[in-house]
N, C-alpha and C. Protein backbone atom coordinates (compact mmCIF):
# COMPACT_ATOMS: atom_id res chain seq x y z
N MET A 1 0.82 -1.18 0.00
CA MET A 1 0.00 0.00 0.00
C MET A 1 0.87 1.26 0.00
N SER A 2 2.04 1.22 0.59
CA SER A 2 2.89 2.39 0.65
C SER A 2 3.42 2.76 -0.73
N LYS A 3 3.66 1.78 -1.60
CA LYS A 3 4.10 2.07 -2.96
C LYS A 3 3.02 2.84 -3.70
N TYR A 4 1.78 2.46 -3.49
CA TYR A 4 0.66 3.09 -4.18
C TYR A 4 0.52 4.54 -3.73
N THR A 5 0.69 4.85 -2.50
CA THR A 5 0.59 6.20 -1.96
C THR A 5 1.73 7.06 -2.47
N ILE A 6 2.92 6.50 -2.54
CA ILE A 6 4.06 7.26 -3.04
C ILE A 6 3.85 7.58 -4.52
N ARG A 7 3.30 6.65 -5.28
CA ARG A 7 3.05 6.85 -6.70
C ARG A 7 2.06 8.01 -6.89
N ASN A 8 1.01 8.10 -6.08
CA ASN A 8 0.03 9.18 -6.18
C ASN A 8 0.68 10.53 -5.86
N LYS A 9 1.55 10.54 -4.87
CA LYS A 9 2.23 11.78 -4.50
C LYS A 9 3.14 12.25 -5.64
N GLU A 10 3.83 11.29 -6.29
CA GLU A 10 4.69 11.65 -7.42
C GLU A 10 3.87 12.22 -8.56
N LEU A 11 2.72 11.65 -8.81
CA LEU A 11 1.84 12.15 -9.89
C LEU A 11 1.33 13.55 -9.57
N VAL A 12 0.98 13.78 -8.33
CA VAL A 12 0.48 15.10 -7.93
C VAL A 12 1.59 16.14 -8.06
N ILE A 13 2.80 15.79 -7.65
CA ILE A 13 3.93 16.71 -7.75
C ILE A 13 4.23 17.00 -9.22
N CYS A 14 4.22 15.98 -10.05
CA CYS A 14 4.46 16.16 -11.49
C CYS A 14 3.37 17.04 -12.11
N ALA A 15 2.13 16.80 -11.73
CA ALA A 15 1.03 17.60 -12.28
C ALA A 15 1.15 19.06 -11.85
N LEU A 16 1.51 19.30 -10.59
CA LEU A 16 1.69 20.67 -10.11
C LEU A 16 2.86 21.35 -10.82
N ALA A 17 3.95 20.64 -10.99
CA ALA A 17 5.11 21.20 -11.68
C ALA A 17 4.76 21.55 -13.12
N PHE A 18 4.02 20.67 -13.79
CA PHE A 18 3.60 20.93 -15.16
C PHE A 18 2.68 22.14 -15.23
N ALA A 19 1.74 22.24 -14.29
CA ALA A 19 0.81 23.37 -14.27
C ALA A 19 1.55 24.68 -14.03
N ILE A 20 2.50 24.70 -13.12
CA ILE A 20 3.27 25.92 -12.84
C ILE A 20 4.11 26.29 -14.06
N PHE A 21 4.75 25.30 -14.68
CA PHE A 21 5.55 25.55 -15.88
C PHE A 21 4.67 26.13 -17.01
N THR A 22 3.50 25.57 -17.19
CA THR A 22 2.58 26.02 -18.24
C THR A 22 2.15 27.46 -18.00
N VAL A 23 1.79 27.79 -16.77
CA VAL A 23 1.34 29.14 -16.45
C VAL A 23 2.45 30.15 -16.71
N PHE A 24 3.66 29.86 -16.27
CA PHE A 24 4.76 30.81 -16.44
C PHE A 24 5.19 30.93 -17.90
N SER A 25 5.12 29.84 -18.64
CA SER A 25 5.53 29.92 -20.05
C SER A 25 4.50 30.70 -20.87
N PHE A 26 3.19 30.56 -20.60
CA PHE A 26 2.18 31.33 -21.31
C PHE A 26 2.09 32.77 -20.82
N ALA A 27 2.53 33.02 -19.62
CA ALA A 27 2.52 34.38 -19.10
C ALA A 27 3.45 35.27 -19.92
N ASN A 28 4.55 34.73 -20.40
CA ASN A 28 5.47 35.51 -21.22
C ASN A 28 4.92 35.73 -22.62
N ILE A 29 4.17 34.79 -23.13
CA ILE A 29 3.61 34.91 -24.48
C ILE A 29 2.52 35.98 -24.51
N TYR A 30 1.66 35.98 -23.54
CA TYR A 30 0.52 36.88 -23.52
C TYR A 30 0.72 38.09 -22.61
N ALA A 31 1.95 38.43 -22.35
CA ALA A 31 2.24 39.57 -21.48
C ALA A 31 1.83 40.86 -22.19
N VAL A 32 1.22 41.76 -21.48
CA VAL A 32 0.78 43.04 -22.03
C VAL A 32 1.80 44.09 -21.61
N GLU A 33 2.29 44.79 -22.60
CA GLU A 33 3.24 45.86 -22.32
C GLU A 33 2.56 47.18 -22.61
N TYR A 34 2.57 48.08 -21.67
CA TYR A 34 1.93 49.38 -21.81
C TYR A 34 2.96 50.41 -22.21
N THR A 35 2.76 50.98 -23.39
CA THR A 35 3.62 52.08 -23.82
C THR A 35 2.72 53.23 -24.22
N ALA A 36 3.05 54.39 -23.79
CA ALA A 36 2.23 55.57 -24.07
C ALA A 36 2.86 56.46 -25.13
N SER A 37 3.74 55.92 -25.93
CA SER A 37 4.42 56.74 -26.92
C SER A 37 3.47 57.24 -27.99
N SER A 38 2.39 56.51 -28.27
CA SER A 38 1.45 56.95 -29.30
C SER A 38 0.37 57.88 -28.76
N LEU A 39 0.33 58.07 -27.45
CA LEU A 39 -0.67 58.94 -26.86
C LEU A 39 -0.12 60.35 -26.69
N ARG A 40 -1.01 61.34 -26.68
CA ARG A 40 -0.55 62.72 -26.54
C ARG A 40 -0.25 63.03 -25.09
N ASP A 41 0.61 63.99 -24.89
CA ASP A 41 0.99 64.44 -23.56
C ASP A 41 -0.14 65.31 -23.01
N PRO A 42 -0.74 64.97 -21.87
CA PRO A 42 -1.87 65.75 -21.36
C PRO A 42 -1.49 67.15 -20.88
N PHE A 43 -0.20 67.42 -20.76
CA PHE A 43 0.24 68.72 -20.27
C PHE A 43 0.63 69.67 -21.40
N VAL A 44 0.51 69.22 -22.65
CA VAL A 44 0.84 70.05 -23.80
C VAL A 44 -0.46 70.49 -24.47
N VAL A 45 -0.59 71.77 -24.76
CA VAL A 45 -1.80 72.29 -25.39
C VAL A 45 -1.79 71.89 -26.86
N PRO A 46 -2.88 71.26 -27.35
CA PRO A 46 -2.94 70.89 -28.76
C PRO A 46 -2.90 72.12 -29.65
N SER A 47 -2.43 71.95 -30.86
CA SER A 47 -2.26 73.07 -31.78
C SER A 47 -3.59 73.74 -32.12
N GLN A 48 -4.69 73.00 -32.07
CA GLN A 48 -5.98 73.60 -32.41
C GLN A 48 -6.44 74.62 -31.36
N PHE A 49 -5.88 74.58 -30.15
CA PHE A 49 -6.25 75.53 -29.11
C PHE A 49 -5.23 76.64 -28.90
N LYS A 50 -4.12 76.57 -29.62
CA LYS A 50 -3.11 77.60 -29.49
C LYS A 50 -3.58 78.86 -30.22
N THR A 51 -3.20 79.99 -29.71
CA THR A 51 -3.55 81.23 -30.38
C THR A 51 -2.67 81.40 -31.61
N PRO A 52 -3.27 81.72 -32.75
CA PRO A 52 -2.46 81.84 -33.96
C PRO A 52 -1.55 83.06 -33.90
N THR A 53 -0.41 82.93 -34.51
CA THR A 53 0.50 84.05 -34.56
C THR A 53 0.05 85.00 -35.65
N ILE A 54 0.05 86.27 -35.36
CA ILE A 54 -0.40 87.27 -36.31
C ILE A 54 0.81 87.79 -37.07
N THR A 55 0.71 87.65 -38.37
CA THR A 55 1.79 88.14 -39.21
C THR A 55 1.24 89.26 -40.09
N THR A 56 2.05 90.22 -40.37
CA THR A 56 1.61 91.30 -41.24
C THR A 56 1.74 90.82 -42.68
N ALA A 57 0.63 90.94 -43.41
CA ALA A 57 0.60 90.46 -44.78
C ALA A 57 0.88 91.61 -45.74
N THR A 58 1.53 91.28 -46.81
CA THR A 58 1.76 92.25 -47.87
C THR A 58 1.12 91.70 -49.13
N ALA A 59 0.94 92.56 -50.11
CA ALA A 59 0.29 92.15 -51.35
C ALA A 59 1.10 91.07 -52.07
N THR A 60 2.39 91.09 -51.92
CA THR A 60 3.23 90.10 -52.61
C THR A 60 3.26 88.75 -51.91
N SER A 61 2.74 88.67 -50.68
CA SER A 61 2.78 87.40 -49.97
C SER A 61 1.61 86.48 -50.32
N PHE A 62 0.75 86.91 -51.24
CA PHE A 62 -0.40 86.09 -51.65
C PHE A 62 -0.19 85.59 -53.07
N LYS A 63 -0.43 84.30 -53.25
CA LYS A 63 -0.30 83.71 -54.58
C LYS A 63 -1.63 83.05 -54.92
N LEU A 64 -2.29 83.55 -55.95
CA LEU A 64 -3.54 82.97 -56.42
C LEU A 64 -3.18 81.81 -57.34
N GLN A 65 -3.57 80.61 -56.94
CA GLN A 65 -3.20 79.42 -57.68
C GLN A 65 -4.34 78.87 -58.53
N GLY A 66 -5.56 79.31 -58.25
CA GLY A 66 -6.67 78.84 -59.06
C GLY A 66 -7.99 79.38 -58.56
N ILE A 67 -8.99 79.31 -59.46
CA ILE A 67 -10.36 79.69 -59.12
C ILE A 67 -11.25 78.52 -59.45
N VAL A 68 -12.10 78.14 -58.50
CA VAL A 68 -12.96 76.97 -58.64
C VAL A 68 -14.40 77.43 -58.72
N PHE A 69 -15.12 76.94 -59.73
CA PHE A 69 -16.54 77.24 -59.87
C PHE A 69 -17.33 76.11 -59.25
N GLU A 70 -18.01 76.41 -58.17
CA GLU A 70 -18.80 75.42 -57.44
C GLU A 70 -20.27 75.83 -57.53
N GLY A 71 -20.86 75.61 -58.71
CA GLY A 71 -22.22 76.07 -58.94
C GLY A 71 -22.23 77.59 -58.96
N PRO A 72 -23.12 78.22 -58.23
CA PRO A 72 -23.13 79.69 -58.20
C PRO A 72 -22.03 80.27 -57.32
N LYS A 73 -21.42 79.45 -56.50
CA LYS A 73 -20.37 79.92 -55.60
C LYS A 73 -19.01 79.82 -56.28
N LEU A 74 -18.16 80.78 -56.00
CA LEU A 74 -16.79 80.76 -56.49
C LEU A 74 -15.85 80.55 -55.31
N LYS A 75 -14.87 79.72 -55.50
CA LYS A 75 -13.84 79.48 -54.49
C LYS A 75 -12.50 79.80 -55.13
N ALA A 76 -11.55 80.21 -54.30
CA ALA A 76 -10.21 80.51 -54.80
C ALA A 76 -9.19 79.71 -54.02
N ILE A 77 -8.10 79.39 -54.69
CA ILE A 77 -6.99 78.71 -54.04
C ILE A 77 -5.88 79.74 -53.89
N ILE A 78 -5.68 80.17 -52.64
CA ILE A 78 -4.67 81.18 -52.33
C ILE A 78 -3.69 80.59 -51.32
N ASN A 79 -2.42 80.62 -51.65
CA ASN A 79 -1.37 80.07 -50.78
C ASN A 79 -1.70 78.64 -50.34
N GLU A 80 -2.16 77.84 -51.29
CA GLU A 80 -2.49 76.42 -51.09
C GLU A 80 -3.66 76.20 -50.14
N LYS A 81 -4.55 77.20 -49.99
CA LYS A 81 -5.74 77.07 -49.16
C LYS A 81 -6.97 77.42 -50.00
N VAL A 82 -8.02 76.62 -49.88
CA VAL A 82 -9.26 76.88 -50.59
C VAL A 82 -10.10 77.82 -49.73
N VAL A 83 -10.46 78.98 -50.29
CA VAL A 83 -11.21 80.00 -49.55
C VAL A 83 -12.39 80.49 -50.37
N GLY A 84 -13.36 81.01 -49.65
CA GLY A 84 -14.52 81.63 -50.28
C GLY A 84 -14.64 83.07 -49.84
N ILE A 85 -15.68 83.74 -50.31
CA ILE A 85 -15.91 85.14 -49.95
C ILE A 85 -16.19 85.22 -48.45
N GLY A 86 -15.49 86.12 -47.77
CA GLY A 86 -15.65 86.29 -46.33
C GLY A 86 -14.63 85.52 -45.51
N ASP A 87 -13.94 84.57 -46.14
CA ASP A 87 -12.91 83.80 -45.43
C ASP A 87 -11.65 84.65 -45.24
N VAL A 88 -10.85 84.25 -44.27
CA VAL A 88 -9.58 84.93 -44.00
C VAL A 88 -8.45 83.98 -44.33
N VAL A 89 -7.50 84.45 -45.11
CA VAL A 89 -6.34 83.65 -45.46
C VAL A 89 -5.09 84.46 -45.15
N ASP A 90 -4.27 83.93 -44.27
CA ASP A 90 -3.00 84.55 -43.88
C ASP A 90 -3.17 86.03 -43.50
N GLY A 91 -4.22 86.33 -42.77
CA GLY A 91 -4.44 87.69 -42.26
C GLY A 91 -5.19 88.61 -43.19
N ALA A 92 -5.61 88.15 -44.36
CA ALA A 92 -6.35 88.98 -45.31
C ALA A 92 -7.74 88.41 -45.53
N LYS A 93 -8.74 89.29 -45.60
CA LYS A 93 -10.12 88.85 -45.79
C LYS A 93 -10.45 88.87 -47.28
N VAL A 94 -11.10 87.81 -47.76
CA VAL A 94 -11.50 87.72 -49.16
C VAL A 94 -12.77 88.54 -49.35
N ILE A 95 -12.69 89.58 -50.21
CA ILE A 95 -13.84 90.47 -50.45
C ILE A 95 -14.68 89.96 -51.61
N SER A 96 -14.02 89.63 -52.72
CA SER A 96 -14.76 89.14 -53.89
C SER A 96 -13.88 88.21 -54.70
N ILE A 97 -14.57 87.33 -55.44
CA ILE A 97 -13.87 86.39 -56.32
C ILE A 97 -14.54 86.50 -57.69
N SER A 98 -13.75 86.67 -58.72
CA SER A 98 -14.28 86.69 -60.09
C SER A 98 -13.40 85.81 -60.96
N LYS A 99 -13.78 85.69 -62.23
CA LYS A 99 -12.98 84.88 -63.15
C LYS A 99 -11.61 85.51 -63.40
N ASN A 100 -11.52 86.81 -63.19
CA ASN A 100 -10.27 87.53 -63.47
C ASN A 100 -9.31 87.55 -62.30
N GLY A 101 -9.80 87.44 -61.08
CA GLY A 101 -8.93 87.51 -59.92
C GLY A 101 -9.69 87.56 -58.62
N VAL A 102 -8.97 87.88 -57.54
CA VAL A 102 -9.56 87.90 -56.20
C VAL A 102 -9.19 89.22 -55.54
N LYS A 103 -10.18 89.85 -54.89
CA LYS A 103 -9.93 91.07 -54.12
C LYS A 103 -9.82 90.69 -52.65
N LEU A 104 -8.74 91.16 -52.04
CA LEU A 104 -8.50 90.92 -50.63
C LEU A 104 -8.45 92.24 -49.88
N LEU A 105 -8.80 92.18 -48.60
CA LEU A 105 -8.67 93.34 -47.72
C LEU A 105 -7.47 93.06 -46.81
N VAL A 106 -6.35 93.76 -47.10
CA VAL A 106 -5.11 93.56 -46.36
C VAL A 106 -4.80 94.85 -45.62
N ASP A 107 -4.84 94.81 -44.30
CA ASP A 107 -4.55 95.99 -43.46
C ASP A 107 -5.38 97.19 -43.91
N SER A 108 -6.69 97.00 -44.03
CA SER A 108 -7.67 98.01 -44.46
C SER A 108 -7.33 98.62 -45.82
N GLU A 109 -6.72 97.83 -46.69
CA GLU A 109 -6.38 98.25 -48.04
C GLU A 109 -6.80 97.15 -49.00
N GLU A 110 -7.51 97.51 -50.07
CA GLU A 110 -7.94 96.51 -51.06
C GLU A 110 -6.80 96.16 -51.99
N VAL A 111 -6.60 94.86 -52.15
CA VAL A 111 -5.56 94.36 -53.04
C VAL A 111 -6.19 93.34 -53.97
N THR A 112 -5.89 93.47 -55.26
CA THR A 112 -6.39 92.50 -56.25
C THR A 112 -5.23 91.63 -56.68
N ILE A 113 -5.46 90.31 -56.60
CA ILE A 113 -4.42 89.38 -57.07
C ILE A 113 -5.00 88.57 -58.23
N LYS A 114 -4.13 88.25 -59.18
CA LYS A 114 -4.54 87.49 -60.36
C LYS A 114 -3.66 86.26 -60.50
N ILE A 115 -4.14 85.32 -61.27
CA ILE A 115 -3.37 84.10 -61.50
C ILE A 115 -2.17 84.45 -62.38
N GLU A 116 -1.01 84.03 -61.95
CA GLU A 116 0.20 84.29 -62.72
C GLU A 116 0.25 83.35 -63.91
N GLU A 117 0.47 83.90 -65.08
CA GLU A 117 0.60 83.09 -66.29
C GLU A 117 2.04 82.67 -66.46
N LYS A 118 2.24 81.45 -66.89
CA LYS A 118 3.60 80.95 -67.06
C LYS A 118 4.06 81.14 -68.47
C-alpha cells in the first residue's frame, strides 16, 4: 500500500510542476506591455487651441493658384488654401472672387491678385 501512496504523490507533484511551468511559459507569451508613446501628452496644449501668430501680410505674400466654380459659388486657391468670400487667409479677408482675380482686404487696403501666367 505504501508504494501506491508514493506513486500518487509523485503524480500530484508532477502535475503541479507541469501546471506551474505552463502558467509561467504562457505568461510571457501573452504579457501586455503598456507604452504611451502613441498617446498625446496631457500637459501640452494641442495646436488647435493655441492662439495663432499674427503676421503682417503684404500684397506680394499672396499667390492665387486657381479659381474653382462650385455652382453659383466661387472658391479661390490662395497660398495652397481653398477659400470663399468672407474667409480669411494669412491675415487677409477675401472680399470678392471673379474669373479675373480675387480682391482681398489687407490691413484696411484693397488688393487684387490674379493668377500668374507661365
